[in-house]
Amino acid sequence: MTFFFLLPEFLKVRSQADFFTVCRTPELACEVTLQPIRRFPWLDAAIIFSDILVVPQALGLEVWVFNFPFVLRNLSISLSSS
């Protein structure tokens, strides 16, 4: 079972920009990456904010982000033996 919570600082950023805008905007991605470090000074590392869903989006797939879960639309996979 996974437990998580969203920092109020993150929710503020997200209220001003959609998820993929945060992923693709260096200043916003940096801000949300550093928020846990600012809130919890005993942390000594940060995980760079991004998401695996930027990859299918970059490949031209339509990706919609709702609160949860993530939904992929127009997904077709071609497997060939050649």
N, C-alpha and C. Protein backbone atom coordinates (compact mmCIF):
# COMPACT_ATOMS: atom_id res chain seq x y z
N MET A 1 0.85 -1.17 0.00
CA MET A 1 0.00 0.00 0.00
C MET A 1 0.90 1.24 0.00
N THR A 2 0.55 2.20 -0.81
CA THR A 2 1.34 3.43 -0.91
C THR A 2 0.59 4.57 -0.26
N PHE A 3 1.28 5.32 0.55
CA PHE A 3 0.70 6.50 1.17
C PHE A 3 1.46 7.73 0.66
N PHE A 4 0.74 8.76 0.37
CA PHE A 4 1.39 9.99 -0.03
C PHE A 4 0.50 11.15 0.33
N PHE A 5 1.07 12.31 0.37
CA PHE A 5 0.27 13.51 0.58
C PHE A 5 0.86 14.60 -0.29
N LEU A 6 0.03 15.55 -0.64
CA LEU A 6 0.47 16.65 -1.48
C LEU A 6 0.74 17.86 -0.62
N LEU A 7 1.90 18.44 -0.80
CA LEU A 7 2.24 19.64 -0.05
C LEU A 7 1.35 20.80 -0.50
N PRO A 8 0.95 21.65 0.43
CA PRO A 8 0.16 22.82 0.06
C PRO A 8 0.88 23.70 -0.97
N GLU A 9 2.21 23.76 -0.87
CA GLU A 9 2.99 24.54 -1.83
C GLU A 9 2.83 23.97 -3.25
N PHE A 10 2.84 22.65 -3.35
CA PHE A 10 2.65 21.99 -4.64
C PHE A 10 1.25 22.27 -5.18
N LEU A 11 0.25 22.17 -4.31
CA LEU A 11 -1.12 22.43 -4.75
C LEU A 11 -1.28 23.86 -5.25
N LYS A 12 -0.56 24.79 -4.65
CA LYS A 12 -0.62 26.19 -5.11
C LYS A 12 -0.06 26.30 -6.52
N VAL A 13 1.09 25.66 -6.77
CA VAL A 13 1.66 25.69 -8.11
C VAL A 13 0.71 25.03 -9.10
N ARG A 14 0.15 23.90 -8.71
CA ARG A 14 -0.77 23.17 -9.59
C ARG A 14 -2.06 23.92 -9.85
N SER A 15 -2.44 24.81 -8.96
CA SER A 15 -3.65 25.59 -9.19
C SER A 15 -3.41 26.65 -10.27
N GLN A 16 -2.14 26.92 -10.55
CA GLN A 16 -1.78 27.94 -11.54
C GLN A 16 -1.32 27.35 -12.87
N ALA A 17 -1.00 26.05 -12.89
CA ALA A 17 -0.50 25.42 -14.11
C ALA A 17 -0.89 23.95 -14.12
N ASP A 18 -1.22 23.43 -15.31
CA ASP A 18 -1.56 22.01 -15.38
C ASP A 18 -0.30 21.16 -15.21
N PHE A 19 -0.51 19.88 -15.01
CA PHE A 19 0.57 18.95 -14.68
C PHE A 19 1.69 18.97 -15.71
N PHE A 20 1.34 18.87 -17.00
CA PHE A 20 2.37 18.80 -18.02
C PHE A 20 3.08 20.14 -18.21
N THR A 21 2.41 21.24 -17.93
CA THR A 21 3.08 22.54 -17.97
C THR A 21 4.14 22.60 -16.89
N VAL A 22 3.84 22.06 -15.71
CA VAL A 22 4.84 22.01 -14.64
C VAL A 22 6.02 21.14 -15.06
N CYS A 23 5.74 20.02 -15.71
CA CYS A 23 6.83 19.14 -16.17
C CYS A 23 7.71 19.80 -17.21
N ARG A 24 7.12 20.61 -18.10
CA ARG A 24 7.86 21.18 -19.23
C ARG A 24 8.41 22.58 -18.97
N THR A 25 8.12 23.16 -17.82
CA THR A 25 8.61 24.51 -17.52
C THR A 25 9.71 24.40 -16.48
N PRO A 26 10.96 24.67 -16.86
CA PRO A 26 12.08 24.47 -15.94
C PRO A 26 11.91 25.17 -14.59
N GLU A 27 11.41 26.40 -14.60
CA GLU A 27 11.25 27.13 -13.33
C GLU A 27 10.23 26.45 -12.42
N LEU A 28 9.12 25.98 -13.00
CA LEU A 28 8.10 25.32 -12.18
C LEU A 28 8.58 23.94 -11.71
N ALA A 29 9.22 23.19 -12.61
CA ALA A 29 9.75 21.88 -12.22
C ALA A 29 10.79 22.03 -11.11
N CYS A 30 11.63 23.04 -11.21
CA CYS A 30 12.63 23.31 -10.17
C CYS A 30 11.94 23.65 -8.85
N GLU A 31 10.94 24.50 -8.92
CA GLU A 31 10.22 24.91 -7.71
C GLU A 31 9.63 23.71 -6.99
N VAL A 32 8.90 22.85 -7.72
CA VAL A 32 8.26 21.72 -7.03
C VAL A 32 9.28 20.66 -6.63
N THR A 33 10.43 20.62 -7.30
CA THR A 33 11.50 19.71 -6.87
C THR A 33 12.07 20.13 -5.52
N LEU A 34 12.23 21.44 -5.32
CA LEU A 34 12.85 21.95 -4.10
C LEU A 34 11.89 22.11 -2.92
N GLN A 35 10.60 22.07 -3.18
CA GLN A 35 9.63 22.29 -2.09
C GLN A 35 9.80 21.32 -0.92
N PRO A 36 9.96 20.02 -1.15
CA PRO A 36 10.15 19.12 0.00
C PRO A 36 11.43 19.43 0.80
N ILE A 37 12.49 19.85 0.10
CA ILE A 37 13.74 20.19 0.79
C ILE A 37 13.53 21.40 1.70
N ARG A 38 12.78 22.37 1.22
CA ARG A 38 12.50 23.56 2.04
C ARG A 38 11.63 23.21 3.24
N ARG A 39 10.67 22.32 3.05
CA ARG A 39 9.74 21.98 4.13
C ARG A 39 10.38 21.04 5.15
N PHE A 40 11.21 20.13 4.69
CA PHE A 40 11.82 19.12 5.56
C PHE A 40 13.33 19.27 5.51
N PRO A 41 13.90 20.13 6.34
CA PRO A 41 15.33 20.45 6.25
C PRO A 41 16.26 19.28 6.49
N TRP A 42 15.79 18.20 7.05
CA TRP A 42 16.65 17.05 7.29
C TRP A 42 16.86 16.22 6.02
N LEU A 43 16.09 16.48 4.97
CA LEU A 43 16.31 15.77 3.71
C LEU A 43 17.62 16.25 3.08
N ASP A 44 18.35 15.34 2.49
CA ASP A 44 19.63 15.72 1.89
C ASP A 44 19.67 15.46 0.39
N ALA A 45 18.51 15.19 -0.20
CA ALA A 45 18.45 14.97 -1.65
C ALA A 45 17.05 15.31 -2.15
N ALA A 46 16.97 15.56 -3.43
CA ALA A 46 15.67 15.83 -4.05
C ALA A 46 15.54 14.96 -5.29
N ILE A 47 14.33 14.62 -5.62
CA ILE A 47 14.04 13.88 -6.84
C ILE A 47 13.54 14.89 -7.86
N ILE A 48 14.18 14.93 -9.01
CA ILE A 48 13.80 15.91 -10.03
C ILE A 48 12.37 15.63 -10.48
N PHE A 49 11.56 16.68 -10.46
CA PHE A 49 10.16 16.54 -10.80
C PHE A 49 10.00 16.35 -12.30
N SER A 50 9.41 15.25 -12.67
CA SER A 50 9.03 14.96 -14.04
C SER A 50 8.04 13.81 -13.96
N ASP A 51 7.70 13.23 -15.06
CA ASP A 51 6.79 12.10 -15.04
C ASP A 51 7.05 11.23 -16.25
N ILE A 52 6.83 9.94 -16.07
CA ILE A 52 7.04 9.02 -17.18
C ILE A 52 6.06 9.27 -18.32
N LEU A 53 4.95 9.95 -18.03
CA LEU A 53 3.96 10.19 -19.07
C LEU A 53 4.37 11.28 -20.06
N VAL A 54 5.48 11.97 -19.82
CA VAL A 54 5.95 12.91 -20.84
C VAL A 54 6.50 12.16 -22.05
N VAL A 55 6.92 10.91 -21.85
CA VAL A 55 7.47 10.11 -22.97
C VAL A 55 6.38 9.77 -23.98
N PRO A 56 5.25 9.14 -23.58
CA PRO A 56 4.22 8.88 -24.60
C PRO A 56 3.67 10.17 -25.21
N GLN A 57 3.61 11.22 -24.44
CA GLN A 57 3.16 12.50 -24.98
C GLN A 57 4.15 12.99 -26.05
N ALA A 58 5.43 12.86 -25.81
CA ALA A 58 6.44 13.26 -26.78
C ALA A 58 6.38 12.40 -28.05
N LEU A 59 5.86 11.18 -27.92
CA LEU A 59 5.72 10.29 -29.07
C LEU A 59 4.43 10.54 -29.84
N GLY A 60 3.68 11.55 -29.41
CA GLY A 60 2.48 11.93 -30.14
C GLY A 60 1.19 11.33 -29.61
N LEU A 61 1.25 10.61 -28.51
CA LEU A 61 0.03 10.07 -27.91
C LEU A 61 -0.69 11.15 -27.13
N GLU A 62 -1.99 11.05 -27.11
CA GLU A 62 -2.78 12.01 -26.33
C GLU A 62 -2.87 11.49 -24.90
N VAL A 63 -2.37 12.24 -23.96
CA VAL A 63 -2.37 11.84 -22.56
C VAL A 63 -3.17 12.86 -21.77
N TRP A 64 -4.14 12.38 -21.04
CA TRP A 64 -4.96 13.23 -20.19
C TRP A 64 -4.63 12.92 -18.75
N VAL A 65 -4.46 13.93 -17.94
CA VAL A 65 -4.18 13.72 -16.53
C VAL A 65 -5.38 14.20 -15.73
N PHE A 66 -5.98 13.28 -15.02
CA PHE A 66 -7.03 13.59 -14.07
C PHE A 66 -6.40 13.48 -12.70
N ASN A 67 -7.14 13.65 -11.66
CA ASN A 67 -6.54 13.49 -10.33
C ASN A 67 -5.83 12.15 -10.23
N PHE A 68 -6.48 11.10 -10.47
CA PHE A 68 -5.95 9.73 -10.59
C PHE A 68 -7.08 8.89 -11.11
N PRO A 69 -6.88 7.92 -11.92
CA PRO A 69 -5.64 7.47 -12.54
C PRO A 69 -5.34 8.26 -13.80
N PHE A 70 -4.20 7.95 -14.41
CA PHE A 70 -3.84 8.55 -15.68
C PHE A 70 -4.50 7.73 -16.78
N VAL A 71 -4.90 8.40 -17.84
CA VAL A 71 -5.59 7.72 -18.93
C VAL A 71 -4.85 7.99 -20.24
N LEU A 72 -4.53 6.92 -20.95
CA LEU A 72 -3.94 7.05 -22.28
C LEU A 72 -5.05 6.84 -23.30
N ARG A 73 -5.15 7.74 -24.27
CA ARG A 73 -6.14 7.61 -25.32
C ARG A 73 -5.42 7.46 -26.66
N ASN A 74 -6.11 6.84 -27.61
CA ASN A 74 -5.58 6.66 -28.96
C ASN A 74 -4.25 5.90 -28.94
N LEU A 75 -4.17 4.92 -28.08
CA LEU A 75 -2.96 4.13 -27.95
C LEU A 75 -3.06 2.92 -28.86
N SER A 76 -2.16 2.81 -29.80
CA SER A 76 -2.11 1.62 -30.63
C SER A 76 -0.67 1.15 -30.67
N ILE A 77 -0.51 -0.13 -30.53
CA ILE A 77 0.83 -0.71 -30.52
C ILE A 77 0.91 -1.72 -31.66
N SER A 78 1.93 -1.61 -32.46
CA SER A 78 2.12 -2.52 -33.56
C SER A 78 3.32 -3.40 -33.26
N LEU A 79 3.09 -4.67 -33.24
CA LEU A 79 4.17 -5.62 -33.03
C LEU A 79 4.40 -6.37 -34.35
N SER A 80 5.61 -6.35 -34.81
CA SER A 80 5.92 -7.07 -36.05
C SER A 80 7.09 -7.99 -35.82
N SER A 81 7.17 -9.02 -36.63
CA SER A 81 8.26 -9.99 -36.48
C SER A 81 9.45 -9.63 -37.36
N SER A 82 9.37 -8.52 -38.10
CA SER A 82 10.49 -8.17 -38.99
C SER A 82 11.54 -7.37 -38.28
